[in-house]
Amino acid sequence: MLERRRVARPPKAVSFWPYGGMCLMAAAFFLYGASALVAPWWAVALLLFVWLLMFVKACSWWTPHPQRITVLAIAAMVLWFVTLFAGAAFLGWSA
């Protein structure tokens, strides 16, 4: 019986995008956690909840959309900055 042999293919290159995005998500987590120095407890709790939702979404995008994780992490940092800036400007949050 003659069987066809499989041709060995080189392994697919590992993408850096999901790893870099998760490193940025970790950096965003430290920003969100440090918000306790400026924002009231309820705002920090809300920010951490939003970060958790973004982290779950980033985990779900690991394989199908790895580049979106980096965009999401940068969006998390922008959201943190806008929230803290708006809270300081309009709600009087200060250290």
PDB file of N, CA and C in Angstrom:
ATOM      1  N   MET A   1       0.820  -1.168   0.000  1.00  0.00           N
ATOM      2  CA  MET A   1       0.000   0.000   0.000  1.00  0.00           C
ATOM      3  C   MET A   1       0.877   1.249   0.000  1.00  0.00           C
ATOM      4  N   LEU A   2       0.626   2.095  -0.889  1.00  0.00           N
ATOM      5  CA  LEU A   2       1.395   3.329  -0.970  1.00  0.00           C
ATOM      6  C   LEU A   2       0.629   4.450  -0.273  1.00  0.00           C
ATOM      7  N   GLU A   3       1.322   5.106   0.617  1.00  0.00           N
ATOM      8  CA  GLU A   3       0.719   6.237   1.326  1.00  0.00           C
ATOM      9  C   GLU A   3       1.513   7.498   1.037  1.00  0.00           C
ATOM     10  N   ARG A   4       0.822   8.556   0.974  1.00  0.00           N
ATOM     11  CA  ARG A   4       1.474   9.834   0.735  1.00  0.00           C
ATOM     12  C   ARG A   4       2.008  10.379   2.060  1.00  0.00           C
ATOM     13  N   ARG A   5       3.248  10.809   2.049  1.00  0.00           N
ATOM     14  CA  ARG A   5       3.863  11.366   3.262  1.00  0.00           C
ATOM     15  C   ARG A   5       3.579  12.858   3.350  1.00  0.00           C
ATOM     16  N   ARG A   6       3.452  13.309   4.566  1.00  0.00           N
ATOM     17  CA  ARG A   6       3.253  14.738   4.785  1.00  0.00           C
ATOM     18  C   ARG A   6       4.575  15.467   4.637  1.00  0.00           C
ATOM     19  N   VAL A   7       4.504  16.621   4.053  1.00  0.00           N
ATOM     20  CA  VAL A   7       5.692  17.449   3.893  1.00  0.00           C
ATOM     21  C   VAL A   7       5.847  18.285   5.161  1.00  0.00           C
ATOM     22  N   ALA A   8       7.042  18.255   5.708  1.00  0.00           N
ATOM     23  CA  ALA A   8       7.301  19.037   6.922  1.00  0.00           C
ATOM     24  C   ALA A   8       7.355  20.520   6.563  1.00  0.00           C
ATOM     25  N   ARG A   9       6.593  21.295   7.300  1.00  0.00           N
ATOM     26  CA  ARG A   9       6.582  22.740   7.086  1.00  0.00           C
ATOM     27  C   ARG A   9       7.293  23.415   8.246  1.00  0.00           C
ATOM     28  N   PRO A  10       7.928  24.525   7.964  1.00  0.00           N
ATOM     29  CA  PRO A  10       8.559  25.247   9.077  1.00  0.00           C
ATOM     30  C   PRO A  10       7.480  25.783  10.016  1.00  0.00           C
ATOM     31  N   PRO A  11       7.799  25.902  11.293  1.00  0.00           N
ATOM     32  CA  PRO A  11       6.789  26.405  12.240  1.00  0.00           C
ATOM     33  C   PRO A  11       6.432  27.860  11.944  1.00  0.00           C
ATOM     34  N   LYS A  12       5.199  28.195  12.256  1.00  0.00           N
ATOM     35  CA  LYS A  12       4.730  29.558  12.051  1.00  0.00           C
ATOM     36  C   LYS A  12       5.414  30.485  13.053  1.00  0.00           C
ATOM     37  N   ALA A  13       5.825  31.636  12.587  1.00  0.00           N
ATOM     38  CA  ALA A  13       6.517  32.590  13.456  1.00  0.00           C
ATOM     39  C   ALA A  13       5.574  33.084  14.552  1.00  0.00           C
ATOM     40  N   VAL A  14       6.111  33.254  15.745  1.00  0.00           N
ATOM     41  CA  VAL A  14       5.325  33.737  16.872  1.00  0.00           C
ATOM     42  C   VAL A  14       5.236  35.258  16.785  1.00  0.00           C
ATOM     43  N   SER A  15       4.031  35.761  16.891  1.00  0.00           N
ATOM     44  CA  SER A  15       3.807  37.201  16.803  1.00  0.00           C
ATOM     45  C   SER A  15       4.085  37.864  18.151  1.00  0.00           C
ATOM     46  N   PHE A  16       4.704  39.032  18.111  1.00  0.00           N
ATOM     47  CA  PHE A  16       4.983  39.778  19.336  1.00  0.00           C
ATOM     48  C   PHE A  16       3.780  40.586  19.795  1.00  0.00           C
ATOM     49  N   TRP A  17       2.830  40.846  18.917  1.00  0.00           N
ATOM     50  CA  TRP A  17       1.711  41.739  19.220  1.00  0.00           C
ATOM     51  C   TRP A  17       0.956  41.383  20.489  1.00  0.00           C
ATOM     52  N   PRO A  18       0.544  40.125  20.685  1.00  0.00           N
ATOM     53  CA  PRO A  18      -0.215  39.860  21.916  1.00  0.00           C
ATOM     54  C   PRO A  18       0.623  40.029  23.175  1.00  0.00           C
ATOM     55  N   TYR A  19       1.899  39.673  23.120  1.00  0.00           N
ATOM     56  CA  TYR A  19       2.767  39.822  24.295  1.00  0.00           C
ATOM     57  C   TYR A  19       2.998  41.298  24.618  1.00  0.00           C
ATOM     58  N   GLY A  20       3.266  42.082  23.596  1.00  0.00           N
ATOM     59  CA  GLY A  20       3.446  43.517  23.805  1.00  0.00           C
ATOM     60  C   GLY A  20       2.179  44.179  24.312  1.00  0.00           C
ATOM     61  N   GLY A  21       1.041  43.755  23.769  1.00  0.00           N
ATOM     62  CA  GLY A  21      -0.232  44.304  24.221  1.00  0.00           C
ATOM     63  C   GLY A  21      -0.521  43.973  25.674  1.00  0.00           C
ATOM     64  N   MET A  22      -0.206  42.739  26.077  1.00  0.00           N
ATOM     65  CA  MET A  22      -0.442  42.360  27.475  1.00  0.00           C
ATOM     66  C   MET A  22       0.531  43.079  28.414  1.00  0.00           C
ATOM     67  N   CYS A  23       1.739  43.359  27.953  1.00  0.00           N
ATOM     68  CA  CYS A  23       2.663  44.162  28.772  1.00  0.00           C
ATOM     69  C   CYS A  23       2.097  45.570  28.964  1.00  0.00           C
ATOM     70  N   LEU A  24       1.521  46.121  27.909  1.00  0.00           N
ATOM     71  CA  LEU A  24       0.897  47.441  28.031  1.00  0.00           C
ATOM     72  C   LEU A  24      -0.352  47.390  28.908  1.00  0.00           C
ATOM     73  N   MET A  25      -1.091  46.275  28.862  1.00  0.00           N
ATOM     74  CA  MET A  25      -2.253  46.132  29.752  1.00  0.00           C
ATOM     75  C   MET A  25      -1.799  46.091  31.206  1.00  0.00           C
ATOM     76  N   ALA A  26      -0.670  45.432  31.478  1.00  0.00           N
ATOM     77  CA  ALA A  26      -0.136  45.409  32.844  1.00  0.00           C
ATOM     78  C   ALA A  26       0.283  46.812  33.273  1.00  0.00           C
ATOM     79  N   ALA A  27       0.890  47.565  32.363  1.00  0.00           N
ATOM     80  CA  ALA A  27       1.263  48.944  32.684  1.00  0.00           C
ATOM     81  C   ALA A  27       0.020  49.789  32.955  1.00  0.00           C
ATOM     82  N   ALA A  28      -1.031  49.560  32.181  1.00  0.00           N
ATOM     83  CA  ALA A  28      -2.280  50.289  32.408  1.00  0.00           C
ATOM     84  C   ALA A  28      -2.882  49.923  33.762  1.00  0.00           C
ATOM     85  N   PHE A  29      -2.729  48.667  34.172  1.00  0.00           N
ATOM     86  CA  PHE A  29      -3.250  48.254  35.477  1.00  0.00           C
ATOM     87  C   PHE A  29      -2.585  49.045  36.602  1.00  0.00           C
ATOM     88  N   PHE A  30      -1.284  49.274  36.497  1.00  0.00           N
ATOM     89  CA  PHE A  30      -0.596  50.062  37.521  1.00  0.00           C
ATOM     90  C   PHE A  30      -1.099  51.506  37.531  1.00  0.00           C
ATOM     91  N   LEU A  31      -1.380  52.057  36.360  1.00  0.00           N
ATOM     92  CA  LEU A  31      -1.954  53.404  36.314  1.00  0.00           C
ATOM     93  C   LEU A  31      -3.321  53.429  36.986  1.00  0.00           C
ATOM     94  N   TYR A  32      -4.141  52.443  36.681  1.00  0.00           N
ATOM     95  CA  TYR A  32      -5.483  52.392  37.258  1.00  0.00           C
ATOM     96  C   TYR A  32      -5.411  52.193  38.767  1.00  0.00           C
ATOM     97  N   GLY A  33      -4.484  51.371  39.229  1.00  0.00           N
ATOM     98  CA  GLY A  33      -4.337  51.160  40.669  1.00  0.00           C
ATOM     99  C   GLY A  33      -3.815  52.389  41.387  1.00  0.00           C
ATOM    100  N   ALA A  34      -2.933  53.126  40.739  1.00  0.00           N
ATOM    101  CA  ALA A  34      -2.380  54.338  41.349  1.00  0.00           C
ATOM    102  C   ALA A  34      -3.384  55.479  41.369  1.00  0.00           C
ATOM    103  N   SER A  35      -4.507  55.307  40.728  1.00  0.00           N
ATOM    104  CA  SER A  35      -5.539  56.344  40.734  1.00  0.00           C
ATOM    105  C   SER A  35      -6.091  56.589  42.126  1.00  0.00           C
ATOM    106  N   ALA A  36      -5.886  55.650  43.033  1.00  0.00           N
ATOM    107  CA  ALA A  36      -6.380  55.809  44.408  1.00  0.00           C
ATOM    108  C   ALA A  36      -5.741  57.007  45.099  1.00  0.00           C
ATOM    109  N   LEU A  37      -4.617  57.474  44.599  1.00  0.00           N
ATOM    110  CA  LEU A  37      -3.965  58.641  45.183  1.00  0.00           C
ATOM    111  C   LEU A  37      -4.687  59.939  44.833  1.00  0.00           C
ATOM    112  N   VAL A  38      -5.462  59.920  43.765  1.00  0.00           N
ATOM    113  CA  VAL A  38      -6.095  61.140  43.272  1.00  0.00           C
ATOM    114  C   VAL A  38      -7.617  61.052  43.284  1.00  0.00           C
ATOM    115  N   ALA A  39      -8.150  59.928  42.848  1.00  0.00           N
ATOM    116  CA  ALA A  39      -9.595  59.788  42.665  1.00  0.00           C
ATOM    117  C   ALA A  39     -10.253  59.196  43.907  1.00  0.00           C
ATOM    118  N   PRO A  40     -11.552  59.429  44.083  1.00  0.00           N
ATOM    119  CA  PRO A  40     -12.269  58.803  45.197  1.00  0.00           C
ATOM    120  C   PRO A  40     -12.396  57.292  44.983  1.00  0.00           C
ATOM    121  N   TRP A  41     -12.734  56.591  46.063  1.00  0.00           N
ATOM    122  CA  TRP A  41     -12.745  55.127  46.008  1.00  0.00           C
ATOM    123  C   TRP A  41     -13.718  54.597  44.971  1.00  0.00           C
ATOM    124  N   TRP A  42     -14.868  55.235  44.798  1.00  0.00           N
ATOM    125  CA  TRP A  42     -15.864  54.728  43.854  1.00  0.00           C
ATOM    126  C   TRP A  42     -15.379  54.872  42.416  1.00  0.00           C
ATOM    127  N   ALA A  43     -14.623  55.922  42.139  1.00  0.00           N
ATOM    128  CA  ALA A  43     -14.081  56.102  40.793  1.00  0.00           C
ATOM    129  C   ALA A  43     -12.986  55.082  40.513  1.00  0.00           C
ATOM    130  N   VAL A  44     -12.168  54.792  41.527  1.00  0.00           N
ATOM    131  CA  VAL A  44     -11.116  53.788  41.364  1.00  0.00           C
ATOM    132  C   VAL A  44     -11.741  52.416  41.137  1.00  0.00           C
ATOM    133  N   ALA A  45     -12.790  52.099  41.897  1.00  0.00           N
ATOM    134  CA  ALA A  45     -13.470  50.812  41.722  1.00  0.00           C
ATOM    135  C   ALA A  45     -14.065  50.699  40.322  1.00  0.00           C
ATOM    136  N   LEU A  46     -14.656  51.778  39.836  1.00  0.00           N
ATOM    137  CA  LEU A  46     -15.222  51.776  38.490  1.00  0.00           C
ATOM    138  C   LEU A  46     -14.131  51.643  37.432  1.00  0.00           C
ATOM    139  N   LEU A  47     -13.028  52.358  37.609  1.00  0.00           N
ATOM    140  CA  LEU A  47     -11.912  52.254  36.666  1.00  0.00           C
ATOM    141  C   LEU A  47     -11.338  50.841  36.631  1.00  0.00           C
ATOM    142  N   LEU A  48     -11.169  50.230  37.798  1.00  0.00           N
ATOM    143  CA  LEU A  48     -10.630  48.867  37.833  1.00  0.00           C
ATOM    144  C   LEU A  48     -11.600  47.869  37.205  1.00  0.00           C
ATOM    145  N   PHE A  49     -12.900  48.092  37.370  1.00  0.00           N
ATOM    146  CA  PHE A  49     -13.883  47.224  36.726  1.00  0.00           C
ATOM    147  C   PHE A  49     -13.810  47.354  35.206  1.00  0.00           C
ATOM    148  N   VAL A  50     -13.676  48.582  34.719  1.00  0.00           N
ATOM    149  CA  VAL A  50     -13.540  48.804  33.276  1.00  0.00           C
ATOM    150  C   VAL A  50     -12.258  48.160  32.769  1.00  0.00           C
ATOM    151  N   TRP A  51     -11.163  48.281  33.534  1.00  0.00           N
ATOM    152  CA  TRP A  51      -9.911  47.643  33.134  1.00  0.00           C
ATOM    153  C   TRP A  51     -10.081  46.126  33.068  1.00  0.00           C
ATOM    154  N   LEU A  52     -10.793  45.557  34.027  1.00  0.00           N
ATOM    155  CA  LEU A  52     -11.019  44.114  34.029  1.00  0.00           C
ATOM    156  C   LEU A  52     -11.798  43.682  32.790  1.00  0.00           C
ATOM    157  N   LEU A  53     -12.805  44.447  32.400  1.00  0.00           N
ATOM    158  CA  LEU A  53     -13.546  44.136  31.174  1.00  0.00           C
ATOM    159  C   LEU A  53     -12.632  44.193  29.948  1.00  0.00           C
ATOM    160  N   MET A  54     -11.758  45.207  29.903  1.00  0.00           N
ATOM    161  CA  MET A  54     -10.816  45.313  28.786  1.00  0.00           C
ATOM    162  C   MET A  54      -9.829  44.153  28.782  1.00  0.00           C
ATOM    163  N   PHE A  55      -9.400  43.721  29.961  1.00  0.00           N
ATOM    164  CA  PHE A  55      -8.465  42.603  30.053  1.00  0.00           C
ATOM    165  C   PHE A  55      -9.110  41.304  29.567  1.00  0.00           C
ATOM    166  N   VAL A  56     -10.356  41.086  29.933  1.00  0.00           N
ATOM    167  CA  VAL A  56     -11.070  39.889  29.461  1.00  0.00           C
ATOM    168  C   VAL A  56     -11.201  39.931  27.941  1.00  0.00           C
ATOM    169  N   LYS A  57     -11.510  41.093  27.394  1.00  0.00           N
ATOM    170  CA  LYS A  57     -11.603  41.233  25.936  1.00  0.00           C
ATOM    171  C   LYS A  57     -10.246  40.988  25.287  1.00  0.00           C
ATOM    172  N   ALA A  58      -9.173  41.485  25.899  1.00  0.00           N
ATOM    173  CA  ALA A  58      -7.829  41.265  25.357  1.00  0.00           C
ATOM    174  C   ALA A  58      -7.483  39.778  25.361  1.00  0.00           C
ATOM    175  N   CYS A  59      -7.868  39.076  26.407  1.00  0.00           N
ATOM    176  CA  CYS A  59      -7.613  37.628  26.455  1.00  0.00           C
ATOM    177  C   CYS A  59      -8.384  36.896  25.364  1.00  0.00           C
ATOM    178  N   SER A  60      -9.590  37.356  25.073  1.00  0.00           N
ATOM    179  CA  SER A  60     -10.374  36.695  24.026  1.00  0.00           C
ATOM    180  C   SER A  60      -9.825  36.996  22.629  1.00  0.00           C
ATOM    181  N   TRP A  61      -9.087  38.091  22.484  1.00  0.00           N
ATOM    182  CA  TRP A  61      -8.493  38.443  21.198  1.00  0.00           C
ATOM    183  C   TRP A  61      -7.092  37.871  21.009  1.00  0.00           C
ATOM    184  N   TRP A  62      -6.561  37.102  21.946  1.00  0.00           N
ATOM    185  CA  TRP A  62      -5.170  36.651  21.898  1.00  0.00           C
ATOM    186  C   TRP A  62      -4.838  35.977  20.573  1.00  0.00           C
ATOM    187  N   THR A  63      -5.601  34.987  20.160  1.00  0.00           N
ATOM    188  CA  THR A  63      -5.301  34.256  18.932  1.00  0.00           C
ATOM    189  C   THR A  63      -5.951  34.867  17.695  1.00  0.00           C
ATOM    190  N   PRO A  64      -7.248  35.197  17.720  1.00  0.00           N
ATOM    191  CA  PRO A  64      -7.849  35.671  16.472  1.00  0.00           C
ATOM    192  C   PRO A  64      -7.416  37.075  16.034  1.00  0.00           C
ATOM    193  N   HIS A  65      -7.185  37.976  16.980  1.00  0.00           N
ATOM    194  CA  HIS A  65      -6.850  39.367  16.630  1.00  0.00           C
ATOM    195  C   HIS A  65      -5.730  39.884  17.535  1.00  0.00           C
ATOM    196  N   PRO A  66      -4.509  39.410  17.372  1.00  0.00           N
ATOM    197  CA  PRO A  66      -3.444  39.795  18.310  1.00  0.00           C
ATOM    198  C   PRO A  66      -3.064  41.273  18.262  1.00  0.00           C
ATOM    199  N   GLN A  67      -3.207  41.926  17.130  1.00  0.00           N
ATOM    200  CA  GLN A  67      -2.815  43.336  17.050  1.00  0.00           C
ATOM    201  C   GLN A  67      -3.810  44.250  17.755  1.00  0.00           C
ATOM    202  N   ARG A  68      -5.035  43.806  17.894  1.00  0.00           N
ATOM    203  CA  ARG A  68      -6.041  44.624  18.572  1.00  0.00           C
ATOM    204  C   ARG A  68      -5.754  44.761  20.065  1.00  0.00           C
ATOM    205  N   ILE A  69      -5.003  43.811  20.623  1.00  0.00           N
ATOM    206  CA  ILE A  69      -4.684  43.874  22.053  1.00  0.00           C
ATOM    207  C   ILE A  69      -3.852  45.117  22.345  1.00  0.00           C
ATOM    208  N   THR A  70      -2.898  45.410  21.486  1.00  0.00           N
ATOM    209  CA  THR A  70      -2.056  46.591  21.675  1.00  0.00           C
ATOM    210  C   THR A  70      -2.888  47.865  21.559  1.00  0.00           C
ATOM    211  N   VAL A  71      -3.782  47.904  20.595  1.00  0.00           N
ATOM    212  CA  VAL A  71      -4.656  49.072  20.431  1.00  0.00           C
ATOM    213  C   VAL A  71      -5.549  49.230  21.656  1.00  0.00           C
ATOM    214  N   LEU A  72      -6.074  48.123  22.166  1.00  0.00           N
ATOM    215  CA  LEU A  72      -6.931  48.171  23.351  1.00  0.00           C
ATOM    216  C   LEU A  72      -6.158  48.668  24.570  1.00  0.00           C
ATOM    217  N   ALA A  73      -4.908  48.235  24.716  1.00  0.00           N
ATOM    218  CA  ALA A  73      -4.095  48.672  25.852  1.00  0.00           C
ATOM    219  C   ALA A  73      -3.801  50.168  25.777  1.00  0.00           C
ATOM    220  N   ILE A  74      -3.512  50.657  24.596  1.00  0.00           N
ATOM    221  CA  ILE A  74      -3.280  52.098  24.435  1.00  0.00           C
ATOM    222  C   ILE A  74      -4.570  52.868  24.703  1.00  0.00           C
ATOM    223  N   ALA A  75      -5.701  52.320  24.260  1.00  0.00           N
ATOM    224  CA  ALA A  75      -6.994  52.951  24.545  1.00  0.00           C
ATOM    225  C   ALA A  75      -7.274  52.963  26.045  1.00  0.00           C
ATOM    226  N   ALA A  76      -6.846  51.924  26.754  1.00  0.00           N
ATOM    227  CA  ALA A  76      -7.026  51.885  28.213  1.00  0.00           C
ATOM    228  C   ALA A  76      -6.229  52.996  28.881  1.00  0.00           C
ATOM    229  N   MET A  77      -5.021  53.245  28.394  1.00  0.00           N
ATOM    230  CA  MET A  77      -4.207  54.318  28.966  1.00  0.00           C
ATOM    231  C   MET A  77      -4.799  55.693  28.655  1.00  0.00           C
ATOM    232  N   VAL A  78      -5.303  55.862  27.441  1.00  0.00           N
ATOM    233  CA  VAL A  78      -5.934  57.132  27.074  1.00  0.00           C
ATOM    234  C   VAL A  78      -7.187  57.356  27.913  1.00  0.00           C
ATOM    235  N   LEU A  79      -7.984  56.305  28.110  1.00  0.00           N
ATOM    236  CA  LEU A  79      -9.185  56.416  28.936  1.00  0.00           C
ATOM    237  C   LEU A  79      -8.828  56.809  30.366  1.00  0.00           C
ATOM    238  N   TRP A  80      -7.759  56.221  30.902  1.00  0.00           N
ATOM    239  CA  TRP A  80      -7.317  56.566  32.259  1.00  0.00           C
ATOM    240  C   TRP A  80      -6.953  58.051  32.335  1.00  0.00           C
ATOM    241  N   PHE A  81      -6.169  58.524  31.364  1.00  0.00           N
ATOM    242  CA  PHE A  81      -5.738  59.919  31.366  1.00  0.00           C
ATOM    243  C   PHE A  81      -6.929  60.861  31.260  1.00  0.00           C
ATOM    244  N   VAL A  82      -7.838  60.581  30.347  1.00  0.00           N
ATOM    245  CA  VAL A  82      -9.009  61.447  30.154  1.00  0.00           C
ATOM    246  C   VAL A  82      -9.883  61.451  31.403  1.00  0.00           C
ATOM    247  N   THR A  83     -10.073  60.278  32.006  1.00  0.00           N
ATOM    248  CA  THR A  83     -10.911  60.194  33.206  1.00  0.00           C
ATOM    249  C   THR A  83     -10.309  60.981  34.361  1.00  0.00           C
ATOM    250  N   LEU A  84      -9.010  60.817  34.601  1.00  0.00           N
ATOM    251  CA  LEU A  84      -8.375  61.531  35.708  1.00  0.00           C
ATOM    252  C   LEU A  84      -8.310  63.029  35.441  1.00  0.00           C
ATOM    253  N   PHE A  85      -8.050  63.404  34.209  1.00  0.00           N
ATOM    254  CA  PHE A  85      -8.009  64.823  33.868  1.00  0.00           C
ATOM    255  C   PHE A  85      -9.391  65.456  34.026  1.00  0.00           C
ATOM    256  N   ALA A  86     -10.426  64.774  33.536  1.00  0.00           N
ATOM    257  CA  ALA A  86     -11.787  65.304  33.657  1.00  0.00           C
ATOM    258  C   ALA A  86     -12.232  65.342  35.116  1.00  0.00           C
ATOM    259  N   GLY A  87     -11.861  64.333  35.888  1.00  0.00           N
ATOM    260  CA  GLY A  87     -12.213  64.333  37.305  1.00  0.00           C
ATOM    261  C   GLY A  87     -11.552  65.469  38.056  1.00  0.00           C
ATOM    262  N   ALA A  88     -10.305  65.746  37.717  1.00  0.00           N
ATOM    263  CA  ALA A  88      -9.602  66.853  38.374  1.00  0.00           C
ATOM    264  C   ALA A  88     -10.167  68.203  37.936  1.00  0.00           C
ATOM    265  N   ALA A  89     -10.515  68.324  36.664  1.00  0.00           N
ATOM    266  CA  ALA A  89     -10.996  69.607  36.149  1.00  0.00           C
ATOM    267  C   ALA A  89     -12.430  69.911  36.569  1.00  0.00           C
ATOM    268  N   PHE A  90     -13.293  68.907  36.531  1.00  0.00           N
ATOM    269  CA  PHE A  90     -14.717  69.164  36.753  1.00  0.00           C
ATOM    270  C   PHE A  90     -15.237  68.718  38.115  1.00  0.00           C
ATOM    271  N   LEU A  91     -14.588  67.737  38.734  1.00  0.00           N
ATOM    272  CA  LEU A  91     -15.078  67.216  40.008  1.00  0.00           C
ATOM    273  C   LEU A  91     -14.177  67.561  41.187  1.00  0.00           C
ATOM    274  N   GLY A  92     -13.073  68.222  40.912  1.00  0.00           N
ATOM    275  CA  GLY A  92     -12.194  68.669  41.986  1.00  0.00           C
ATOM    276  C   GLY A  92     -11.342  67.584  42.622  1.00  0.00           C
ATOM    277  N   TRP A  93     -11.054  66.506  41.869  1.00  0.00           N
ATOM    278  CA  TRP A  93     -10.185  65.469  42.425  1.00  0.00           C
ATOM    279  C   TRP A  93      -8.771  66.020  42.533  1.00  0.00           C
ATOM    280  N   SER A  94      -8.135  65.783  43.666  1.00  0.00           N
ATOM    281  CA  SER A  94      -6.740  66.195  43.830  1.00  0.00           C
ATOM    282  C   SER A  94      -6.074  65.269  44.833  1.00  0.00           C
ATOM    283  N   ALA A  95      -4.775  65.289  44.833  1.00  0.00           N
ATOM    284  CA  ALA A  95      -4.015  64.401  45.713  1.00  0.00           C
ATOM    285  C   ALA A  95      -4.029  64.885  47.146  1.00  0.00           C
TER     286      ALA A  95
END
